[in-house]
């Protein structure tokens, strides 16, 4: 359908808990297509609906040979630990060390309302946790260690894209 513009840090939709998707059909299919089209640009691993200005619980993912959309995802399992640099389309150009579980699984629904489960390790696990955070109004910089978070906030305020 369309590649949608990514909302940037400071936009209130990114700090709002997204609403459950209650009806599946034409609207859920259109949202799924937009999320996948927006994901398909180079360098993208996942896109949450709030990042395209839609305050609904849905995200797309595309890593490690897996690709899809999950509606109403619930993080049902995490295991182990991983540390690594993490970035976000809504905080462009800034990467920070972010602690995440090494394995993650989410359960939710596809665009038809059927139950789906997505699970993975490494980068896919990081992506699943990152996207679920977006649906809960959490941007990854809020998970950083306090001193790193302060530095990230200073960098954001100095960024050319930050307008808030």
C-alpha atoms as a PDB file:
ATOM      1  CA  UNK A   1       0.000   0.000   0.000  1.00  0.00           C
ATOM      2  CA  UNK A   2       2.441   2.701   1.153  1.00  0.00           C
ATOM      3  CA  UNK A   3       5.723   3.490   2.806  1.00  0.00           C
ATOM      4  CA  UNK A   4       4.723   5.642   5.754  1.00  0.00           C
ATOM      5  CA  UNK A   5       6.715   8.439   7.379  1.00  0.00           C
ATOM      6  CA  UNK A   6       8.443   7.491  10.632  1.00  0.00           C
ATOM      7  CA  UNK A   7       7.460   9.571  13.661  1.00  0.00           C
ATOM      8  CA  UNK A   8      10.448  10.967  15.525  1.00  0.00           C
ATOM      9  CA  UNK A   9      11.228  11.097  19.226  1.00  0.00           C
ATOM     10  CA  UNK A  10       9.199  13.883  20.803  1.00  0.00           C
ATOM     11  CA  UNK A  11       5.995  12.897  18.974  1.00  0.00           C
ATOM     12  CA  UNK A  12       3.428  12.038  21.688  1.00  0.00           C
ATOM     13  CA  UNK A  13       2.269   8.891  19.849  1.00  0.00           C
ATOM     14  CA  UNK A  14       5.621   7.274  20.701  1.00  0.00           C
ATOM     15  CA  UNK A  15       5.022   7.680  24.457  1.00  0.00           C
ATOM     16  CA  UNK A  16       1.401   6.468  24.422  1.00  0.00           C
ATOM     17  CA  UNK A  17       0.309   2.899  25.159  1.00  0.00           C
ATOM     18  CA  UNK A  18      -1.217   1.601  21.922  1.00  0.00           C
ATOM     19  CA  UNK A  19      -4.774   0.270  21.760  1.00  0.00           C
ATOM     20  CA  UNK A  20      -5.615  -3.376  21.054  1.00  0.00           C
ATOM     21  CA  UNK A  21      -6.793  -4.248  17.579  1.00  0.00           C
ATOM     22  CA  UNK A  22     -10.332  -5.577  18.032  1.00  0.00           C
ATOM     23  CA  UNK A  23     -11.496  -6.026  14.434  1.00  0.00           C
ATOM     24  CA  UNK A  24      -9.702  -7.885  11.679  1.00  0.00           C
ATOM     25  CA  UNK A  25     -10.356  -7.503   7.991  1.00  0.00           C
ATOM     26  CA  UNK A  26      -9.763  -4.757   5.446  1.00  0.00           C
ATOM     27  CA  UNK A  27      -8.305  -2.281   7.952  1.00  0.00           C
ATOM     28  CA  UNK A  28      -5.915  -4.792   9.568  1.00  0.00           C
ATOM     29  CA  UNK A  29      -4.751  -5.965   6.139  1.00  0.00           C
ATOM     30  CA  UNK A  30      -4.099  -2.368   5.018  1.00  0.00           C
ATOM     31  CA  UNK A  31      -2.133  -1.643   8.210  1.00  0.00           C
ATOM     32  CA  UNK A  32      -0.124  -4.857   7.778  1.00  0.00           C
ATOM     33  CA  UNK A  33       0.769  -3.868   4.208  1.00  0.00           C
ATOM     34  CA  UNK A  34       1.837  -0.378   5.303  1.00  0.00           C
ATOM     35  CA  UNK A  35       3.976  -1.809   8.099  1.00  0.00           C
ATOM     36  CA  UNK A  36       5.675  -4.247   5.722  1.00  0.00           C
ATOM     37  CA  UNK A  37       6.157  -1.635   2.986  1.00  0.00           C
ATOM     38  CA  UNK A  38       7.718   0.730   5.544  1.00  0.00           C
ATOM     39  CA  UNK A  39       9.905  -2.097   6.883  1.00  0.00           C
ATOM     40  CA  UNK A  40      11.204  -2.982   3.418  1.00  0.00           C
ATOM     41  CA  UNK A  41      13.458   0.057   3.121  1.00  0.00           C
ATOM     42  CA  UNK A  42      17.159  -0.819   3.615  1.00  0.00           C
ATOM     43  CA  UNK A  43      18.509  -1.085   7.155  1.00  0.00           C
ATOM     44  CA  UNK A  44      15.200  -1.753   8.879  1.00  0.00           C
ATOM     45  CA  UNK A  45      14.487  -4.684  11.198  1.00  0.00           C
ATOM     46  CA  UNK A  46      11.075  -3.717  12.592  1.00  0.00           C
ATOM     47  CA  UNK A  47       8.425  -1.012  12.547  1.00  0.00           C
ATOM     48  CA  UNK A  48       5.732  -0.526  15.176  1.00  0.00           C
ATOM     49  CA  UNK A  49       2.365   1.013  14.253  1.00  0.00           C
ATOM     50  CA  UNK A  50       2.903   4.027  16.573  1.00  0.00           C
ATOM     51  CA  UNK A  51       6.078   4.802  14.616  1.00  0.00           C
ATOM     52  CA  UNK A  52       3.892   5.471  11.569  1.00  0.00           C
ATOM     53  CA  UNK A  53       1.364   7.440  13.620  1.00  0.00           C
ATOM     54  CA  UNK A  54      -1.119   4.620  14.198  1.00  0.00           C
ATOM     55  CA  UNK A  55      -1.784   4.082  17.934  1.00  0.00           C
ATOM     56  CA  UNK A  56      -2.605   0.365  17.588  1.00  0.00           C
ATOM     57  CA  UNK A  57      -0.836  -2.743  18.907  1.00  0.00           C
ATOM     58  CA  UNK A  58       0.857  -4.049  15.763  1.00  0.00           C
ATOM     59  CA  UNK A  59       4.383  -4.302  14.411  1.00  0.00           C
ATOM     60  CA  UNK A  60       6.283  -5.688  11.448  1.00  0.00           C
ATOM     61  CA  UNK A  61       9.583  -7.538  11.666  1.00  0.00           C
ATOM     62  CA  UNK A  62      12.099  -8.815   9.146  1.00  0.00           C
ATOM     63  CA  UNK A  63      15.261 -10.528  10.346  1.00  0.00           C
ATOM     64  CA  UNK A  64      17.066 -13.827  10.072  1.00  0.00           C
ATOM     65  CA  UNK A  65      14.826 -15.108   7.283  1.00  0.00           C
ATOM     66  CA  UNK A  66      11.633 -14.345   9.166  1.00  0.00           C
ATOM     67  CA  UNK A  67       9.218 -11.596   8.124  1.00  0.00           C
ATOM     68  CA  UNK A  68       5.692 -10.722   9.149  1.00  0.00           C
ATOM     69  CA  UNK A  69       3.288  -8.635  11.175  1.00  0.00           C
ATOM     70  CA  UNK A  70       1.965  -9.338  14.657  1.00  0.00           C
ATOM     71  CA  UNK A  71      -1.175  -7.733  16.045  1.00  0.00           C
ATOM     72  CA  UNK A  72      -1.779  -7.533  19.801  1.00  0.00           C
ATOM     73  CA  UNK A  73       1.589  -9.106  20.612  1.00  0.00           C
ATOM     74  CA  UNK A  74       2.356 -10.282  24.113  1.00  0.00           C
ATOM     75  CA  UNK A  75       5.910 -11.041  25.146  1.00  0.00           C
ATOM     76  CA  UNK A  76       5.377 -14.565  26.516  1.00  0.00           C
ATOM     77  CA  UNK A  77       8.941 -15.723  27.103  1.00  0.00           C
ATOM     78  CA  UNK A  78      12.424 -14.337  27.517  1.00  0.00           C
ATOM     79  CA  UNK A  79      15.599 -16.127  28.436  1.00  0.00           C
ATOM     80  CA  UNK A  80      19.265 -15.344  28.799  1.00  0.00           C
ATOM     81  CA  UNK A  81      21.015 -12.054  28.244  1.00  0.00           C
ATOM     82  CA  UNK A  82      22.596 -10.087  25.451  1.00  0.00           C
ATOM     83  CA  UNK A  83      24.269  -6.741  25.277  1.00  0.00           C
ATOM     84  CA  UNK A  84      24.783  -4.805  22.113  1.00  0.00           C
ATOM     85  CA  UNK A  85      24.261  -1.584  20.273  1.00  0.00           C
ATOM     86  CA  UNK A  86      20.649  -0.719  19.582  1.00  0.00           C
ATOM     87  CA  UNK A  87      19.143   1.998  17.449  1.00  0.00           C
ATOM     88  CA  UNK A  88      15.686   3.119  16.468  1.00  0.00           C
ATOM     89  CA  UNK A  89      14.121   4.662  13.379  1.00  0.00           C
ATOM     90  CA  UNK A  90      12.429   7.189  15.671  1.00  0.00           C
ATOM     91  CA  UNK A  91      15.812   8.229  17.111  1.00  0.00           C
ATOM     92  CA  UNK A  92      17.817   8.363  13.861  1.00  0.00           C
ATOM     93  CA  UNK A  93      21.580   8.149  13.864  1.00  0.00           C
ATOM     94  CA  UNK A  94      21.969   7.336  17.559  1.00  0.00           C
ATOM     95  CA  UNK A  95      23.057   3.873  18.762  1.00  0.00           C
ATOM     96  CA  UNK A  96      23.607   2.911  22.385  1.00  0.00           C
ATOM     97  CA  UNK A  97      24.484  -0.253  24.328  1.00  0.00           C
ATOM     98  CA  UNK A  98      21.172  -1.766  25.392  1.00  0.00           C
ATOM     99  CA  UNK A  99      20.675  -4.856  27.522  1.00  0.00           C
ATOM    100  CA  UNK A 100      18.029  -7.309  26.290  1.00  0.00           C
ATOM    101  CA  UNK A 101      17.106 -10.959  26.726  1.00  0.00           C
ATOM    102  CA  UNK A 102      19.000 -13.285  24.395  1.00  0.00           C
ATOM    103  CA  UNK A 103      15.807 -15.184  23.468  1.00  0.00           C
ATOM    104  CA  UNK A 104      12.285 -13.810  23.154  1.00  0.00           C
ATOM    105  CA  UNK A 105       8.898 -15.097  22.044  1.00  0.00           C
ATOM    106  CA  UNK A 106       5.742 -13.148  21.293  1.00  0.00           C
ATOM    107  CA  UNK A 107       2.249 -14.411  20.680  1.00  0.00           C
ATOM    108  CA  UNK A 108      -0.459 -12.443  18.971  1.00  0.00           C
ATOM    109  CA  UNK A 109      -2.531 -12.469  15.822  1.00  0.00           C
ATOM    110  CA  UNK A 110      -1.986 -12.076  12.112  1.00  0.00           C
ATOM    111  CA  UNK A 111      -4.014  -9.692   9.902  1.00  0.00           C
ATOM    112  CA  UNK A 112      -6.833 -12.266   9.772  1.00  0.00           C
ATOM    113  CA  UNK A 113      -7.016 -12.535  13.562  1.00  0.00           C
ATOM    114  CA  UNK A 114      -5.439 -16.001  13.654  1.00  0.00           C
ATOM    115  CA  UNK A 115      -3.029 -16.847  16.471  1.00  0.00           C
ATOM    116  CA  UNK A 116       0.677 -16.556  15.664  1.00  0.00           C
ATOM    117  CA  UNK A 117       3.893 -17.034  17.609  1.00  0.00           C
ATOM    118  CA  UNK A 118       7.238 -15.538  16.670  1.00  0.00           C
ATOM    119  CA  UNK A 119      10.400 -16.442  18.536  1.00  0.00           C
ATOM    120  CA  UNK A 120      14.086 -16.018  18.076  1.00  0.00           C
ATOM    121  CA  UNK A 121      17.492 -15.377  19.513  1.00  0.00           C
ATOM    122  CA  UNK A 122      20.015 -12.596  19.043  1.00  0.00           C
ATOM    123  CA  UNK A 123      18.908  -9.766  16.760  1.00  0.00           C
ATOM    124  CA  UNK A 124      15.411 -11.179  16.251  1.00  0.00           C
ATOM    125  CA  UNK A 125      14.932 -11.410  20.024  1.00  0.00           C
ATOM    126  CA  UNK A 126      16.162  -7.810  20.344  1.00  0.00           C
ATOM    127  CA  UNK A 127      13.739  -6.704  17.608  1.00  0.00           C
ATOM    128  CA  UNK A 128      10.726  -8.417  19.197  1.00  0.00           C
ATOM    129  CA  UNK A 129      11.419  -6.803  22.575  1.00  0.00           C
ATOM    130  CA  UNK A 130      12.098  -3.390  20.990  1.00  0.00           C
ATOM    131  CA  UNK A 131       8.839  -3.420  19.003  1.00  0.00           C
ATOM    132  CA  UNK A 132       6.702  -4.572  21.942  1.00  0.00           C
ATOM    133  CA  UNK A 133       8.246  -1.725  23.946  1.00  0.00           C
ATOM    134  CA  UNK A 134       7.022   0.728  21.293  1.00  0.00           C
ATOM    135  CA  UNK A 135       3.480  -0.546  21.769  1.00  0.00           C
ATOM    136  CA  UNK A 136       3.798   0.134  25.499  1.00  0.00           C
ATOM    137  CA  UNK A 137       4.986   3.710  24.878  1.00  0.00           C
ATOM    138  CA  UNK A 138       8.629   2.902  25.633  1.00  0.00           C
ATOM    139  CA  UNK A 139      11.442   4.105  23.375  1.00  0.00           C
ATOM    140  CA  UNK A 140      14.675   2.141  23.801  1.00  0.00           C
ATOM    141  CA  UNK A 141      16.587   5.118  25.200  1.00  0.00           C
ATOM    142  CA  UNK A 142      14.408   4.862  28.316  1.00  0.00           C
ATOM    143  CA  UNK A 143      15.952   1.427  28.982  1.00  0.00           C
ATOM    144  CA  UNK A 144      19.526   2.768  29.015  1.00  0.00           C
ATOM    145  CA  UNK A 145      21.675   3.093  32.106  1.00  0.00           C
ATOM    146  CA  UNK A 146      21.045   6.538  33.692  1.00  0.00           C
ATOM    147  CA  UNK A 147      24.346   8.133  32.674  1.00  0.00           C
ATOM    148  CA  UNK A 148      24.033   6.814  29.109  1.00  0.00           C
ATOM    149  CA  UNK A 149      20.393   7.974  28.984  1.00  0.00           C
ATOM    150  CA  UNK A 150      21.432  11.508  30.013  1.00  0.00           C
ATOM    151  CA  UNK A 151      23.993  11.573  27.210  1.00  0.00           C
ATOM    152  CA  UNK A 152      21.426  10.235  24.742  1.00  0.00           C
ATOM    153  CA  UNK A 153      18.949  12.944  25.705  1.00  0.00           C
ATOM    154  CA  UNK A 154      21.612  15.625  25.185  1.00  0.00           C
ATOM    155  CA  UNK A 155      22.422  14.141  21.766  1.00  0.00           C
ATOM    156  CA  UNK A 156      18.730  14.092  20.840  1.00  0.00           C
ATOM    157  CA  UNK A 157      18.248  17.732  21.806  1.00  0.00           C
ATOM    158  CA  UNK A 158      21.225  18.655  19.587  1.00  0.00           C
ATOM    159  CA  UNK A 159      19.957  16.610  16.618  1.00  0.00           C
ATOM    160  CA  UNK A 160      18.771  18.442  13.519  1.00  0.00           C
ATOM    161  CA  UNK A 161      15.606  16.305  13.397  1.00  0.00           C
ATOM    162  CA  UNK A 162      14.486  17.002  16.982  1.00  0.00           C
ATOM    163  CA  UNK A 163      11.758  19.657  17.097  1.00  0.00           C
ATOM    164  CA  UNK A 164       9.994  19.233  20.428  1.00  0.00           C
END
